[in-house]
Amino acid sequence: LSLSWLRELRLQCELAGVPLYIKQLGSAWARALPSDWCAGDDAGRSPRLWPQDLRVRQEACVS
């Protein structure tokens, strides 16, 4: 997963007023981290390890 692609998607969603929920950053991203950082998170699931601007978890409103 390309972080620049994800940032562009986040911007497009913001401009369109569409909620975005980022579930994980993927195993390729997680493998690129120092091994002592991820501690068993081999799919980039933990938002605390992500860049701050990608910690987006907006829920869609259903009425």
N, C-alpha and C. Protein backbone atom coordinates (compact mmCIF):
# COMPACT_ATOMS: atom_id res chain seq x y z
N LEU A 1 0.85 -1.18 0.00
CA LEU A 1 0.00 0.00 0.00
C LEU A 1 0.89 1.24 0.00
N SER A 2 0.63 2.11 -0.92
CA SER A 2 1.39 3.36 -1.01
C SER A 2 0.77 4.41 -0.10
N LEU A 3 1.58 4.95 0.80
CA LEU A 3 1.06 5.97 1.71
C LEU A 3 0.65 7.22 0.95
N SER A 4 1.35 7.54 -0.14
CA SER A 4 0.97 8.73 -0.92
C SER A 4 -0.40 8.51 -1.58
N TRP A 5 -0.67 7.29 -2.04
CA TRP A 5 -1.98 6.97 -2.62
C TRP A 5 -3.06 7.11 -1.55
N LEU A 6 -2.78 6.61 -0.37
CA LEU A 6 -3.75 6.69 0.72
C LEU A 6 -4.01 8.13 1.14
N ARG A 7 -2.97 8.94 1.14
CA ARG A 7 -3.14 10.36 1.47
C ARG A 7 -3.99 11.06 0.41
N GLU A 8 -3.79 10.72 -0.84
CA GLU A 8 -4.60 11.30 -1.92
C GLU A 8 -6.06 10.87 -1.78
N LEU A 9 -6.29 9.62 -1.45
CA LEU A 9 -7.65 9.12 -1.23
C LEU A 9 -8.31 9.86 -0.06
N ARG A 10 -7.55 10.06 1.02
CA ARG A 10 -8.08 10.79 2.18
C ARG A 10 -8.51 12.19 1.78
N LEU A 11 -7.68 12.87 0.99
CA LEU A 11 -8.00 14.22 0.53
C LEU A 11 -9.25 14.22 -0.35
N GLN A 12 -9.35 13.28 -1.26
CA GLN A 12 -10.53 13.19 -2.12
C GLN A 12 -11.79 12.94 -1.31
N CYS A 13 -11.71 12.07 -0.32
CA CYS A 13 -12.87 11.81 0.54
C CYS A 13 -13.25 13.06 1.32
N GLU A 14 -12.25 13.77 1.85
CA GLU A 14 -12.50 15.02 2.57
C GLU A 14 -13.25 16.01 1.70
N LEU A 15 -12.75 16.22 0.48
CA LEU A 15 -13.34 17.19 -0.44
C LEU A 15 -14.76 16.80 -0.84
N ALA A 16 -15.04 15.51 -0.93
CA ALA A 16 -16.36 15.03 -1.33
C ALA A 16 -17.30 14.84 -0.15
N GLY A 17 -16.80 15.02 1.07
CA GLY A 17 -17.63 14.83 2.26
C GLY A 17 -17.96 13.37 2.51
N VAL A 18 -17.07 12.48 2.08
CA VAL A 18 -17.28 11.04 2.24
C VAL A 18 -16.43 10.55 3.41
N PRO A 19 -17.03 9.82 4.36
CA PRO A 19 -16.24 9.31 5.48
C PRO A 19 -15.24 8.26 5.01
N LEU A 20 -14.11 8.21 5.68
CA LEU A 20 -13.05 7.25 5.35
C LEU A 20 -12.67 6.51 6.61
N TYR A 21 -12.58 5.20 6.50
CA TYR A 21 -12.17 4.36 7.62
C TYR A 21 -10.96 3.56 7.17
N ILE A 22 -9.80 3.86 7.71
CA ILE A 22 -8.59 3.13 7.37
C ILE A 22 -8.42 2.00 8.38
N LYS A 23 -8.55 0.78 7.90
CA LYS A 23 -8.51 -0.39 8.78
C LYS A 23 -7.08 -0.80 9.12
N GLN A 24 -6.21 -0.82 8.12
CA GLN A 24 -4.82 -1.21 8.34
C GLN A 24 -3.97 -0.69 7.20
N LEU A 25 -2.66 -0.66 7.40
CA LEU A 25 -1.77 -0.17 6.36
C LEU A 25 -1.10 -1.30 5.59
N GLY A 26 -1.31 -2.53 5.98
CA GLY A 26 -0.82 -3.66 5.22
C GLY A 26 0.52 -4.23 5.68
N SER A 27 0.77 -5.45 5.26
CA SER A 27 1.96 -6.17 5.71
C SER A 27 3.25 -5.60 5.13
N ALA A 28 3.23 -5.10 3.89
CA ALA A 28 4.45 -4.53 3.31
C ALA A 28 4.89 -3.31 4.12
N TRP A 29 3.93 -2.48 4.52
CA TRP A 29 4.24 -1.31 5.34
C TRP A 29 4.79 -1.76 6.70
N ALA A 30 4.13 -2.73 7.32
CA ALA A 30 4.54 -3.20 8.65
C ALA A 30 5.93 -3.83 8.61
N ARG A 31 6.24 -4.57 7.54
CA ARG A 31 7.57 -5.21 7.43
C ARG A 31 8.69 -4.18 7.29
N ALA A 32 8.36 -3.00 6.80
CA ALA A 32 9.37 -1.95 6.61
C ALA A 32 9.75 -1.26 7.93
N LEU A 33 8.95 -1.49 8.97
CA LEU A 33 9.23 -0.89 10.28
C LEU A 33 10.32 -1.68 11.01
N PRO A 34 11.01 -1.04 11.93
CA PRO A 34 11.94 -1.80 12.78
C PRO A 34 11.17 -2.89 13.53
N SER A 35 11.73 -4.07 13.64
CA SER A 35 11.00 -5.21 14.22
C SER A 35 10.54 -4.97 15.65
N ASP A 36 11.27 -4.17 16.41
CA ASP A 36 10.85 -3.93 17.79
C ASP A 36 9.67 -2.96 17.88
N TRP A 37 9.32 -2.29 16.79
CA TRP A 37 8.17 -1.39 16.79
C TRP A 37 6.86 -2.14 16.65
N CYS A 38 6.82 -3.12 15.77
CA CYS A 38 5.53 -3.73 15.43
C CYS A 38 5.09 -4.83 16.38
N ALA A 39 5.98 -5.48 17.05
CA ALA A 39 5.66 -6.46 18.10
C ALA A 39 4.44 -7.32 17.78
N GLY A 40 4.52 -8.11 16.73
CA GLY A 40 3.44 -9.03 16.38
C GLY A 40 2.38 -8.46 15.46
N ASP A 41 2.43 -7.19 15.16
CA ASP A 41 1.45 -6.59 14.24
C ASP A 41 2.03 -6.65 12.83
N ASP A 42 1.85 -7.80 12.17
CA ASP A 42 2.46 -7.99 10.86
C ASP A 42 1.59 -7.50 9.70
N ALA A 43 0.46 -6.87 9.98
CA ALA A 43 -0.40 -6.34 8.92
C ALA A 43 -0.63 -4.84 9.06
N GLY A 44 0.10 -4.19 9.94
CA GLY A 44 -0.07 -2.75 10.10
C GLY A 44 -1.43 -2.36 10.64
N ARG A 45 -1.96 -3.17 11.58
CA ARG A 45 -3.30 -2.94 12.11
C ARG A 45 -3.36 -1.88 13.21
N SER A 46 -2.26 -1.61 13.86
CA SER A 46 -2.28 -0.73 15.03
C SER A 46 -2.09 0.74 14.63
N PRO A 47 -3.13 1.55 14.73
CA PRO A 47 -3.03 2.97 14.35
C PRO A 47 -1.97 3.74 15.14
N ARG A 48 -1.61 3.28 16.32
CA ARG A 48 -0.60 4.01 17.11
C ARG A 48 0.76 4.02 16.41
N LEU A 49 0.98 3.10 15.47
CA LEU A 49 2.24 3.04 14.73
C LEU A 49 2.18 3.83 13.42
N TRP A 50 1.00 4.23 13.00
CA TRP A 50 0.82 4.90 11.71
C TRP A 50 1.23 6.36 11.78
N PRO A 51 1.51 6.95 10.61
CA PRO A 51 1.68 8.41 10.57
C PRO A 51 0.39 9.07 11.08
N GLN A 52 0.52 10.13 11.83
CA GLN A 52 -0.62 10.79 12.47
C GLN A 52 -1.73 11.14 11.47
N ASP A 53 -1.37 11.62 10.29
CA ASP A 53 -2.38 12.06 9.33
C ASP A 53 -3.17 10.91 8.71
N LEU A 54 -2.75 9.66 8.95
CA LEU A 54 -3.48 8.52 8.40
C LEU A 54 -4.29 7.77 9.46
N ARG A 55 -4.34 8.29 10.65
CA ARG A 55 -5.14 7.66 11.71
C ARG A 55 -6.59 8.12 11.58
N VAL A 56 -7.21 7.71 10.50
CA VAL A 56 -8.56 8.15 10.16
C VAL A 56 -9.52 6.98 10.30
N ARG A 57 -10.49 7.13 11.15
CA ARG A 57 -11.50 6.08 11.34
C ARG A 57 -12.86 6.75 11.50
N GLN A 58 -13.39 7.19 10.37
CA GLN A 58 -14.68 7.86 10.37
C GLN A 58 -15.76 6.84 10.01
N GLU A 59 -16.80 6.81 10.77
CA GLU A 59 -17.92 5.91 10.51
C GLU A 59 -18.95 6.61 9.63
N ALA A 60 -19.53 5.88 8.72
CA ALA A 60 -20.61 6.43 7.90
C ALA A 60 -21.86 6.57 8.75
N CYS A 61 -22.58 7.66 8.58
CA CYS A 61 -23.84 7.88 9.31
C CYS A 61 -24.98 7.27 8.50
N VAL A 62 -25.72 6.40 9.12
CA VAL A 62 -26.86 5.77 8.46
C VAL A 62 -28.11 6.19 9.22
N SER A 63 -29.06 6.76 8.49
CA SER A 63 -30.29 7.18 9.18
C SER A 63 -31.49 6.43 8.69
